Amino acid sequence: ILTGSSDRSIRLYNPSKSSPSSPNSSLVQTYSAHGYEVLDISVTEDNARFASVGGDKQVFLWDVATARTLRRWAGHFARVNCVGFGGEDGSVVVSGSFDATVRLWDCKSQSTKPIQVLEDSKDSVSSLHLLGHEIVTGSVDGKMRLYDLRMGVMYVDTIGHPITSVQQTSDGNAVLVSTLDSVIRLMDKSNGQMLQSYKGHMNENYRIRSCLGLGDAVVVSGSEDGKIYVWDLLEGKVLETLSAHEGKVVSAVTCNNVRREFASAGVDGSAVIWGLPK
């Protein structure tokens, strides 16, 4: 598992080697290049490279094995909040920033300039997710934007509250959207209708990431009350509530469906690996 932190470092851990008495025994590698906090990380499907962004206003492309930066792209005018890989074999890196722009970078080119800049947001771009030839972005302006790069069109859905997280379902038919009104919504991409909502957690002040798990059967999210909530995707009912991170804000969760596990990270500076029920 890769973690980024406000201490400006990125760390790679092997959770299977961790023990309660010696938590640092699982540390495999440390990646140091950021001069400011690390706000997001994205890994290629082959686990050979990853991209990281943060307060540097730059996008870093890393080689996992050598811990060296392969590229550093500059062009954003403020902190970069989110990053993801797209194209064939992760050939394109997409970044979203506090400067309200989304920029696309070519990993195969030596050029330091973006290949495309999307300037439609009216406020900070807080989250993005790529699936095929589509980019979904969430913004503090309360709008979710879907860019179909193949057709060259953009679709806008007004959620009405600052968005903290977006993730498309694996079939590409819906988008999970977290907002600062303590509600997570499942939105139909074809018509913009809300299919289901998920409530019970607290999210009014911080950027909290949610995710889909168990083959899109459940919704998992952190909360400002220091708990992790798990909902049934279709029914919207809370299936599980987990206490974690010493009661402090749980800012991010991510699921590994192959291993039936998910990870959570909190402002207490720890990352926790959880097992999902069978």
C-alpha atoms as a PDB file:
ATOM      1  CA  ILE A   1       0.000   0.000   0.000  1.00  0.00           C
ATOM      2  CA  LEU A   2       1.198   3.504  -0.895  1.00  0.00           C
ATOM      3  CA  THR A   3       0.483   6.400   1.462  1.00  0.00           C
ATOM      4  CA  GLY A   4       1.007  10.126   1.049  1.00  0.00           C
ATOM      5  CA  SER A   5       1.104  12.532   3.957  1.00  0.00           C
ATOM      6  CA  SER A   6       1.335  16.120   5.110  1.00  0.00           C
ATOM      7  CA  ASP A   7       4.921  15.310   6.161  1.00  0.00           C
ATOM      8  CA  ARG A   8       5.759  15.539   2.406  1.00  0.00           C
ATOM      9  CA  SER A   9       6.765  11.875   2.093  1.00  0.00           C
ATOM     10  CA  ILE A  10       5.287   8.887   0.281  1.00  0.00           C
ATOM     11  CA  ARG A  11       5.716   5.465   1.851  1.00  0.00           C
ATOM     12  CA  LEU A  12       5.267   1.962   0.459  1.00  0.00           C
ATOM     13  CA  TYR A  13       4.211  -0.681   2.984  1.00  0.00           C
ATOM     14  CA  ASN A  14       3.767  -4.438   2.897  1.00  0.00           C
ATOM     15  CA  PRO A  15       0.950  -4.981   5.415  1.00  0.00           C
ATOM     16  CA  SER A  16       1.628  -8.717   5.673  1.00  0.00           C
ATOM     17  CA  LYS A  17       4.954  -7.964   7.387  1.00  0.00           C
ATOM     18  CA  SER A  18       3.477  -5.595   9.942  1.00  0.00           C
ATOM     19  CA  SER A  19       3.151  -6.383  13.629  1.00  0.00           C
ATOM     20  CA  PRO A  20       1.469  -4.392  16.442  1.00  0.00           C
ATOM     21  CA  SER A  21       4.732  -4.202  18.379  1.00  0.00           C
ATOM     22  CA  SER A  22       6.726  -2.946  15.385  1.00  0.00           C
ATOM     23  CA  PRO A  23       4.481  -1.101  12.908  1.00  0.00           C
ATOM     24  CA  ASN A  24       7.410   0.195  10.844  1.00  0.00           C
ATOM     25  CA  SER A  25       8.558  -3.354  10.061  1.00  0.00           C
ATOM     26  CA  SER A  26       6.239  -3.294   7.046  1.00  0.00           C
ATOM     27  CA  LEU A  27       7.930  -0.229   5.473  1.00  0.00           C
ATOM     28  CA  VAL A  28       9.382  -1.178   2.081  1.00  0.00           C
ATOM     29  CA  GLN A  29      10.378   2.140   0.529  1.00  0.00           C
ATOM     30  CA  THR A  30      10.185   5.888   1.080  1.00  0.00           C
ATOM     31  CA  TYR A  31       9.784   8.322  -1.822  1.00  0.00           C
ATOM     32  CA  SER A  32      11.042  11.839  -1.168  1.00  0.00           C
ATOM     33  CA  ALA A  33      10.756  14.735  -3.608  1.00  0.00           C
ATOM     34  CA  HIS A  34       7.715  16.737  -2.548  1.00  0.00           C
ATOM     35  CA  GLY A  35       8.345  20.037  -0.822  1.00  0.00           C
ATOM     36  CA  TYR A  36       4.757  20.332   0.391  1.00  0.00           C
ATOM     37  CA  GLU A  37       1.985  18.020   1.558  1.00  0.00           C
ATOM     38  CA  VAL A  38       1.048  15.040  -0.646  1.00  0.00           C
ATOM     39  CA  LEU A  39      -2.671  15.157  -1.466  1.00  0.00           C
ATOM     40  CA  ASP A  40      -3.253  12.258  -3.869  1.00  0.00           C
ATOM     41  CA  ILE A  41      -1.567   9.197  -5.395  1.00  0.00           C
ATOM     42  CA  SER A  42      -2.520   7.035  -8.376  1.00  0.00           C
ATOM     43  CA  VAL A  43      -0.852   3.761  -9.403  1.00  0.00           C
ATOM     44  CA  THR A  44      -0.682   2.148 -12.856  1.00  0.00           C
ATOM     45  CA  GLU A  45      -2.359  -1.246 -13.344  1.00  0.00           C
ATOM     46  CA  ASP A  46       1.007  -3.030 -13.567  1.00  0.00           C
ATOM     47  CA  ASN A  47       2.143  -1.398 -10.274  1.00  0.00           C
ATOM     48  CA  ALA A  48       5.380  -0.254 -11.954  1.00  0.00           C
ATOM     49  CA  ARG A  49       4.744   3.499 -11.790  1.00  0.00           C
ATOM     50  CA  PHE A  50       2.696   5.935  -9.764  1.00  0.00           C
ATOM     51  CA  ALA A  51       1.821   9.613  -9.909  1.00  0.00           C
ATOM     52  CA  SER A  52       1.640  11.927  -6.916  1.00  0.00           C
ATOM     53  CA  VAL A  53       0.416  15.497  -6.441  1.00  0.00           C
ATOM     54  CA  GLY A  54       0.130  18.029  -3.658  1.00  0.00           C
ATOM     55  CA  GLY A  55       1.013  21.522  -2.574  1.00  0.00           C
ATOM     56  CA  ASP A  56       3.977  21.751  -4.960  1.00  0.00           C
ATOM     57  CA  LYS A  57       1.687  22.725  -7.893  1.00  0.00           C
ATOM     58  CA  GLN A  58       3.466  19.946  -9.791  1.00  0.00           C
ATOM     59  CA  VAL A  59       2.674  16.417 -10.949  1.00  0.00           C
ATOM     60  CA  PHE A  60       5.305  13.773 -10.148  1.00  0.00           C
ATOM     61  CA  LEU A  61       5.653  10.499 -12.071  1.00  0.00           C
ATOM     62  CA  TRP A  62       7.628   7.830 -10.176  1.00  0.00           C
ATOM     63  CA  ASP A  63       9.260   4.495 -10.826  1.00  0.00           C
ATOM     64  CA  VAL A  64       8.205   2.219  -7.960  1.00  0.00           C
ATOM     65  CA  ALA A  65      11.278  -0.018  -7.947  1.00  0.00           C
ATOM     66  CA  THR A  66      14.008   2.657  -8.106  1.00  0.00           C
ATOM     67  CA  ALA A  67      12.130   5.358  -6.122  1.00  0.00           C
ATOM     68  CA  ARG A  68      13.153   7.916  -8.752  1.00  0.00           C
ATOM     69  CA  THR A  69      10.997  10.540 -10.433  1.00  0.00           C
ATOM     70  CA  LEU A  70      10.592   9.899 -14.159  1.00  0.00           C
ATOM     71  CA  ARG A  71       8.784  13.173 -14.915  1.00  0.00           C
ATOM     72  CA  ARG A  72       7.850  16.374 -13.145  1.00  0.00           C
ATOM     73  CA  TRP A  73       5.164  18.424 -14.823  1.00  0.00           C
ATOM     74  CA  ALA A  74       4.552  22.033 -13.843  1.00  0.00           C
ATOM     75  CA  GLY A  75       1.699  24.186 -15.087  1.00  0.00           C
ATOM     76  CA  HIS A  76      -0.924  24.388 -12.369  1.00  0.00           C
ATOM     77  CA  PHE A  77      -1.156  27.708 -10.533  1.00  0.00           C
ATOM     78  CA  ALA A  78      -2.191  26.281  -7.162  1.00  0.00           C
ATOM     79  CA  ARG A  79      -2.056  23.033  -5.185  1.00  0.00           C
ATOM     80  CA  VAL A  80      -2.995  19.893  -7.085  1.00  0.00           C
ATOM     81  CA  ASN A  81      -5.766  17.922  -5.376  1.00  0.00           C
ATOM     82  CA  CYS A  82      -6.189  14.769  -7.446  1.00  0.00           C
ATOM     83  CA  VAL A  83      -4.501  12.623 -10.078  1.00  0.00           C
ATOM     84  CA  GLY A  84      -5.246   9.551 -12.194  1.00  0.00           C
ATOM     85  CA  PHE A  85      -3.960   7.464 -15.098  1.00  0.00           C
ATOM     86  CA  GLY A  86      -5.667   7.068 -18.467  1.00  0.00           C
ATOM     87  CA  GLY A  87      -4.950   5.922 -22.014  1.00  0.00           C
ATOM     88  CA  GLU A  88      -3.300   2.665 -23.033  1.00  0.00           C
ATOM     89  CA  ASP A  89      -0.975   1.270 -20.349  1.00  0.00           C
ATOM     90  CA  GLY A  90      -1.308   4.452 -18.309  1.00  0.00           C
ATOM     91  CA  SER A  91       0.211   6.634 -21.018  1.00  0.00           C
ATOM     92  CA  VAL A  92      -1.674   9.745 -19.891  1.00  0.00           C
ATOM     93  CA  VAL A  93      -1.731  11.366 -16.449  1.00  0.00           C
ATOM     94  CA  VAL A  94      -4.694  13.581 -15.543  1.00  0.00           C
ATOM     95  CA  SER A  95      -4.513  16.115 -12.694  1.00  0.00           C
ATOM     96  CA  GLY A  96      -7.096  18.383 -11.054  1.00  0.00           C
ATOM     97  CA  SER A  97      -6.202  21.491  -9.095  1.00  0.00           C
ATOM     98  CA  PHE A  98      -7.314  24.243  -6.751  1.00  0.00           C
ATOM     99  CA  ASP A  99      -6.796  26.522  -9.778  1.00  0.00           C
ATOM    100  CA  ALA A 100     -10.078  25.062 -11.180  1.00  0.00           C
ATOM    101  CA  THR A 101      -8.390  23.318 -14.135  1.00  0.00           C
ATOM    102  CA  VAL A 102      -7.847  19.718 -15.213  1.00  0.00           C
ATOM    103  CA  ARG A 103      -4.660  19.047 -17.162  1.00  0.00           C
ATOM    104  CA  LEU A 104      -3.656  16.025 -19.246  1.00  0.00           C
ATOM    105  CA  TRP A 105       0.016  15.030 -19.496  1.00  0.00           C
ATOM    106  CA  ASP A 106       1.675  12.639 -21.985  1.00  0.00           C
ATOM    107  CA  CYS A 107       3.948  10.127 -20.240  1.00  0.00           C
ATOM    108  CA  LYS A 108       5.586   9.066 -23.505  1.00  0.00           C
ATOM    109  CA  SER A 109       6.572  12.574 -24.565  1.00  0.00           C
ATOM    110  CA  GLN A 110       9.501  14.615 -23.292  1.00  0.00           C
ATOM    111  CA  SER A 111       7.366  17.754 -23.460  1.00  0.00           C
ATOM    112  CA  THR A 112       6.702  19.474 -20.153  1.00  0.00           C
ATOM    113  CA  LYS A 113       3.492  21.083 -21.382  1.00  0.00           C
ATOM    114  CA  PRO A 114       0.024  19.544 -20.999  1.00  0.00           C
ATOM    115  CA  ILE A 115      -1.574  18.021 -24.081  1.00  0.00           C
ATOM    116  CA  GLN A 116      -4.971  19.397 -23.031  1.00  0.00           C
ATOM    117  CA  VAL A 117      -6.360  21.793 -20.409  1.00  0.00           C
ATOM    118  CA  LEU A 118      -9.997  21.621 -19.252  1.00  0.00           C
ATOM    119  CA  GLU A 119     -11.089  24.950 -17.768  1.00  0.00           C
ATOM    120  CA  ASP A 120     -14.810  24.473 -17.169  1.00  0.00           C
ATOM    121  CA  SER A 121     -14.883  24.340 -13.359  1.00  0.00           C
ATOM    122  CA  LYS A 122     -15.739  27.532 -11.483  1.00  0.00           C
ATOM    123  CA  ASP A 123     -13.934  26.432  -8.300  1.00  0.00           C
ATOM    124  CA  SER A 124     -11.354  23.943  -7.048  1.00  0.00           C
ATOM    125  CA  VAL A 125     -11.341  20.497  -8.697  1.00  0.00           C
ATOM    126  CA  SER A 126     -11.366  18.157  -5.705  1.00  0.00           C
ATOM    127  CA  SER A 127     -11.608  14.711  -7.274  1.00  0.00           C
ATOM    128  CA  LEU A 128     -11.454  12.878 -10.588  1.00  0.00           C
ATOM    129  CA  HIS A 129     -11.887   9.349 -11.905  1.00  0.00           C
ATOM    130  CA  LEU A 130     -10.996   7.858 -15.285  1.00  0.00           C
ATOM    131  CA  LEU A 131     -12.690   4.949 -17.014  1.00  0.00           C
ATOM    132  CA  GLY A 132     -11.956   4.180 -20.640  1.00  0.00           C
ATOM    133  CA  HIS A 133     -12.161   7.379 -22.682  1.00  0.00           C
ATOM    134  CA  GLU A 134     -14.124   9.258 -20.014  1.00  0.00           C
ATOM    135  CA  ILE A 135     -13.030  11.581 -17.214  1.00  0.00           C
ATOM    136  CA  VAL A 136     -15.390  12.392 -14.361  1.00  0.00           C
ATOM    137  CA  THR A 137     -14.492  15.374 -12.165  1.00  0.00           C
ATOM    138  CA  GLY A 138     -15.977  16.735  -8.959  1.00  0.00           C
ATOM    139  CA  SER A 139     -15.629  20.371  -7.979  1.00  0.00           C
ATOM    140  CA  VAL A 140     -16.228  22.619  -4.996  1.00  0.00           C
ATOM    141  CA  ASP A 141     -18.628  24.518  -7.265  1.00  0.00           C
ATOM    142  CA  GLY A 142     -21.092  21.661  -6.667  1.00  0.00           C
ATOM    143  CA  LYS A 143     -20.995  20.290 -10.204  1.00  0.00           C
ATOM    144  CA  MET A 144     -19.935  16.910 -11.541  1.00  0.00           C
ATOM    145  CA  ARG A 145     -18.539  17.050 -15.061  1.00  0.00           C
ATOM    146  CA  LEU A 146     -18.212  14.120 -17.440  1.00  0.00           C
ATOM    147  CA  TYR A 147     -15.767  14.553 -20.312  1.00  0.00           C
ATOM    148  CA  ASP A 148     -16.134  12.126 -23.213  1.00  0.00           C
ATOM    149  CA  LEU A 149     -12.746  12.566 -24.879  1.00  0.00           C
ATOM    150  CA  ARG A 150     -13.625  10.351 -27.836  1.00  0.00           C
ATOM    151  CA  MET A 151     -16.707  12.397 -28.732  1.00  0.00           C
ATOM    152  CA  GLY A 152     -15.282  15.719 -27.565  1.00  0.00           C
ATOM    153  CA  VAL A 153     -18.289  16.588 -25.411  1.00  0.00           C
ATOM    154  CA  MET A 154     -18.894  17.490 -21.758  1.00  0.00           C
ATOM    155  CA  TYR A 155     -21.930  16.734 -19.612  1.00  0.00           C
ATOM    156  CA  VAL A 156     -22.652  18.619 -16.356  1.00  0.00           C
ATOM    157  CA  ASP A 157     -24.738  17.448 -13.389  1.00  0.00           C
ATOM    158  CA  THR A 158     -25.476  19.954 -10.636  1.00  0.00           C
ATOM    159  CA  ILE A 159     -25.277  18.263  -7.229  1.00  0.00           C
ATOM    160  CA  GLY A 160     -25.684  21.528  -5.316  1.00  0.00           C
ATOM    161  CA  HIS A 161     -23.045  20.966  -2.626  1.00  0.00           C
ATOM    162  CA  PRO A 162     -19.217  20.988  -2.732  1.00  0.00           C
ATOM    163  CA  ILE A 163     -18.019  17.620  -4.034  1.00  0.00           C
ATOM    164  CA  THR A 164     -15.226  15.773  -2.219  1.00  0.00           C
ATOM    165  CA  SER A 165     -15.085  12.482  -4.124  1.00  0.00           C
ATOM    166  CA  VAL A 166     -16.214  10.863  -7.398  1.00  0.00           C
ATOM    167  CA  GLN A 167     -15.903   7.272  -8.607  1.00  0.00           C
ATOM    168  CA  GLN A 168     -17.519   5.559 -11.565  1.00  0.00           C
ATOM    169  CA  THR A 169     -19.031   2.098 -11.203  1.00  0.00           C
ATOM    170  CA  SER A 170     -17.130  -0.656 -13.002  1.00  0.00           C
ATOM    171  CA  ASP A 171     -19.838  -0.917 -15.682  1.00  0.00           C
ATOM    172  CA  GLY A 172     -19.566   2.826 -16.321  1.00  0.00           C
ATOM    173  CA  ASN A 173     -23.316   3.446 -15.882  1.00  0.00           C
ATOM    174  CA  ALA A 174     -23.262   5.407 -12.620  1.00  0.00           C
ATOM    175  CA  VAL A 175     -21.050   7.655 -10.498  1.00  0.00           C
ATOM    176  CA  LEU A 176     -20.646   7.648  -6.716  1.00  0.00           C
ATOM    177  CA  VAL A 177     -20.481  11.264  -5.497  1.00  0.00           C
ATOM    178  CA  SER A 178     -19.587  12.442  -1.973  1.00  0.00           C
ATOM    179  CA  THR A 179     -20.508  15.972  -0.901  1.00  0.00           C
ATOM    180  CA  LEU A 180     -20.151  18.291   2.087  1.00  0.00           C
ATOM    181  CA  ASP A 181     -23.778  17.863   3.191  1.00  0.00           C
ATOM    182  CA  SER A 182     -23.028  14.452   4.755  1.00  0.00           C
ATOM    183  CA  VAL A 183     -24.660  12.617   1.846  1.00  0.00           C
ATOM    184  CA  ILE A 184     -23.197  10.226  -0.731  1.00  0.00           C
ATOM    185  CA  ARG A 185     -25.192   9.921  -3.949  1.00  0.00           C
ATOM    186  CA  LEU A 186     -25.237   7.330  -6.712  1.00  0.00           C
ATOM    187  CA  MET A 187     -25.939   9.242  -9.924  1.00  0.00           C
ATOM    188  CA  ASP A 188     -27.124   7.768 -13.227  1.00  0.00           C
ATOM    189  CA  LYS A 189     -24.728   8.928 -15.944  1.00  0.00           C
ATOM    190  CA  SER A 190     -27.278   8.694 -18.752  1.00  0.00           C
ATOM    191  CA  ASN A 191     -29.916  11.052 -17.320  1.00  0.00           C
ATOM    192  CA  GLY A 192     -28.419  12.648 -14.189  1.00  0.00           C
ATOM    193  CA  GLN A 193     -30.998  11.104 -11.867  1.00  0.00           C
ATOM    194  CA  MET A 194     -30.103  10.031  -8.330  1.00  0.00           C
ATOM    195  CA  LEU A 195     -30.384   6.250  -8.036  1.00  0.00           C
ATOM    196  CA  GLN A 196     -29.665   5.990  -4.300  1.00  0.00           C
ATOM    197  CA  SER A 197     -28.337   8.037  -1.379  1.00  0.00           C
ATOM    198  CA  TYR A 198     -26.219   6.975   1.601  1.00  0.00           C
ATOM    199  CA  LYS A 199     -26.434   8.755   4.950  1.00  0.00           C
ATOM    200  CA  GLY A 200     -25.346   8.369   8.561  1.00  0.00           C
ATOM    201  CA  HIS A 201     -21.751   9.571   8.348  1.00  0.00           C
ATOM    202  CA  MET A 202     -20.499  13.111   8.984  1.00  0.00           C
ATOM    203  CA  ASN A 203     -18.860  15.126   6.208  1.00  0.00           C
ATOM    204  CA  GLU A 204     -19.280  18.888   6.405  1.00  0.00           C
ATOM    205  CA  ASN A 205     -15.766  20.342   6.592  1.00  0.00           C
ATOM    206  CA  TYR A 206     -13.111  17.986   5.216  1.00  0.00           C
ATOM    207  CA  ARG A 207     -12.382  16.298   1.907  1.00  0.00           C
ATOM    208  CA  ILE A 208     -13.383  12.704   2.580  1.00  0.00           C
ATOM    209  CA  ARG A 209     -13.039  10.030  -0.092  1.00  0.00           C
ATOM    210  CA  SER A 210     -15.568   7.229  -0.560  1.00  0.00           C
ATOM    211  CA  CYS A 211     -15.247   4.116  -2.709  1.00  0.00           C
ATOM    212  CA  LEU A 212     -17.079   1.088  -4.099  1.00  0.00           C
ATOM    213  CA  GLY A 213     -16.172  -2.412  -2.910  1.00  0.00           C
ATOM    214  CA  LEU A 214     -16.980  -6.116  -3.317  1.00  0.00           C
ATOM    215  CA  GLY A 215     -17.596  -5.770  -7.047  1.00  0.00           C
ATOM    216  CA  ASP A 216     -19.656  -2.595  -6.578  1.00  0.00           C
ATOM    217  CA  ALA A 217     -21.917  -4.306  -4.021  1.00  0.00           C
ATOM    218  CA  VAL A 218     -21.085  -1.942  -1.153  1.00  0.00           C
ATOM    219  CA  VAL A 219     -20.212   1.721  -0.585  1.00  0.00           C
ATOM    220  CA  VAL A 220     -17.434   2.515   1.913  1.00  0.00           C
ATOM    221  CA  SER A 221     -16.640   5.944   3.349  1.00  0.00           C
ATOM    222  CA  GLY A 222     -14.747   7.594   6.143  1.00  0.00           C
ATOM    223  CA  SER A 223     -16.351  10.149   8.416  1.00  0.00           C
ATOM    224  CA  GLU A 224     -15.554  13.162  10.567  1.00  0.00           C
ATOM    225  CA  ASP A 225     -16.746  11.260  13.657  1.00  0.00           C
ATOM    226  CA  GLY A 226     -13.789   8.868  13.375  1.00  0.00           C
ATOM    227  CA  LYS A 227     -15.791   5.948  11.987  1.00  0.00           C
ATOM    228  CA  ILE A 228     -15.968   4.000   8.747  1.00  0.00           C
ATOM    229  CA  TYR A 229     -19.384   3.322   7.262  1.00  0.00           C
ATOM    230  CA  VAL A 230     -20.329   0.510   4.886  1.00  0.00           C
ATOM    231  CA  TRP A 231     -23.640   0.644   2.986  1.00  0.00           C
ATOM    232  CA  ASP A 232     -25.447  -1.761   0.681  1.00  0.00           C
ATOM    233  CA  LEU A 233     -25.214  -0.197  -2.784  1.00  0.00           C
ATOM    234  CA  LEU A 234     -28.736  -1.045  -3.929  1.00  0.00           C
ATOM    235  CA  GLU A 235     -30.722  -0.596  -0.714  1.00  0.00           C
ATOM    236  CA  GLY A 236     -28.710   2.261   0.830  1.00  0.00           C
ATOM    237  CA  LYS A 237     -28.784   0.640   4.275  1.00  0.00           C
ATOM    238  CA  VAL A 238     -25.841   0.830   6.677  1.00  0.00           C
ATOM    239  CA  LEU A 239     -24.329  -2.658   6.893  1.00  0.00           C
ATOM    240  CA  GLU A 240     -21.392  -1.924   9.181  1.00  0.00           C
ATOM    241  CA  THR A 241     -19.950   0.866  11.306  1.00  0.00           C
ATOM    242  CA  LEU A 242     -16.299   0.578  12.298  1.00  0.00           C
ATOM    243  CA  SER A 243     -14.464   2.687  14.865  1.00  0.00           C
ATOM    244  CA  ALA A 244     -10.982   3.682  13.756  1.00  0.00           C
ATOM    245  CA  HIS A 245      -8.151   6.192  13.945  1.00  0.00           C
ATOM    246  CA  GLU A 246      -8.675   7.097  17.600  1.00  0.00           C
ATOM    247  CA  GLY A 247     -11.916   8.867  16.856  1.00  0.00           C
ATOM    248  CA  LYS A 248     -10.290  11.388  14.533  1.00  0.00           C
ATOM    249  CA  VAL A 249     -11.352  12.210  10.969  1.00  0.00           C
ATOM    250  CA  VAL A 250     -11.107   9.244   8.575  1.00  0.00           C
ATOM    251  CA  SER A 251     -10.177  11.073   5.376  1.00  0.00           C
ATOM    252  CA  ALA A 252      -9.817   8.308   2.788  1.00  0.00           C
ATOM    253  CA  VAL A 253     -10.758   4.711   2.060  1.00  0.00           C
ATOM    254  CA  THR A 254      -9.882   2.461  -0.862  1.00  0.00           C
ATOM    255  CA  CYS A 255     -10.911  -1.105  -1.659  1.00  0.00           C
ATOM    256  CA  ASN A 256      -8.959  -4.091  -2.993  1.00  0.00           C
ATOM    257  CA  ASN A 257     -11.568  -6.464  -4.372  1.00  0.00           C
ATOM    258  CA  VAL A 258      -9.055  -9.188  -5.248  1.00  0.00           C
ATOM    259  CA  ARG A 259      -7.923  -9.580  -1.642  1.00  0.00           C
ATOM    260  CA  ARG A 260     -11.330  -8.617  -0.189  1.00  0.00           C
ATOM    261  CA  GLU A 261      -9.657  -5.933   1.869  1.00  0.00           C
ATOM    262  CA  PHE A 262      -9.864  -2.177   2.167  1.00  0.00           C
ATOM    263  CA  ALA A 263      -7.567   0.459   3.617  1.00  0.00           C
ATOM    264  CA  SER A 264      -8.425   3.574   5.588  1.00  0.00           C
ATOM    265  CA  ALA A 265      -6.316   6.625   6.371  1.00  0.00           C
ATOM    266  CA  GLY A 266      -6.936   9.299   8.979  1.00  0.00           C
ATOM    267  CA  VAL A 267      -5.635  12.562  10.325  1.00  0.00           C
ATOM    268  CA  ASP A 268      -4.068  10.591  13.182  1.00  0.00           C
ATOM    269  CA  GLY A 269      -1.296   9.713  10.707  1.00  0.00           C
ATOM    270  CA  SER A 270      -2.073   6.003  10.440  1.00  0.00           C
ATOM    271  CA  ALA A 271      -3.269   3.673   7.692  1.00  0.00           C
ATOM    272  CA  VAL A 272      -5.321   0.604   8.643  1.00  0.00           C
ATOM    273  CA  ILE A 273      -6.010  -2.533   6.582  1.00  0.00           C
ATOM    274  CA  TRP A 274      -9.452  -4.123   7.060  1.00  0.00           C
ATOM    275  CA  GLY A 275     -10.914  -7.417   5.872  1.00  0.00           C
ATOM    276  CA  LEU A 276     -14.270  -7.358   4.079  1.00  0.00           C
ATOM    277  CA  PRO A 277     -16.929  -9.940   5.028  1.00  0.00           C
ATOM    278  CA  LYS A 278     -17.486 -12.859   2.678  1.00  0.00           C
END
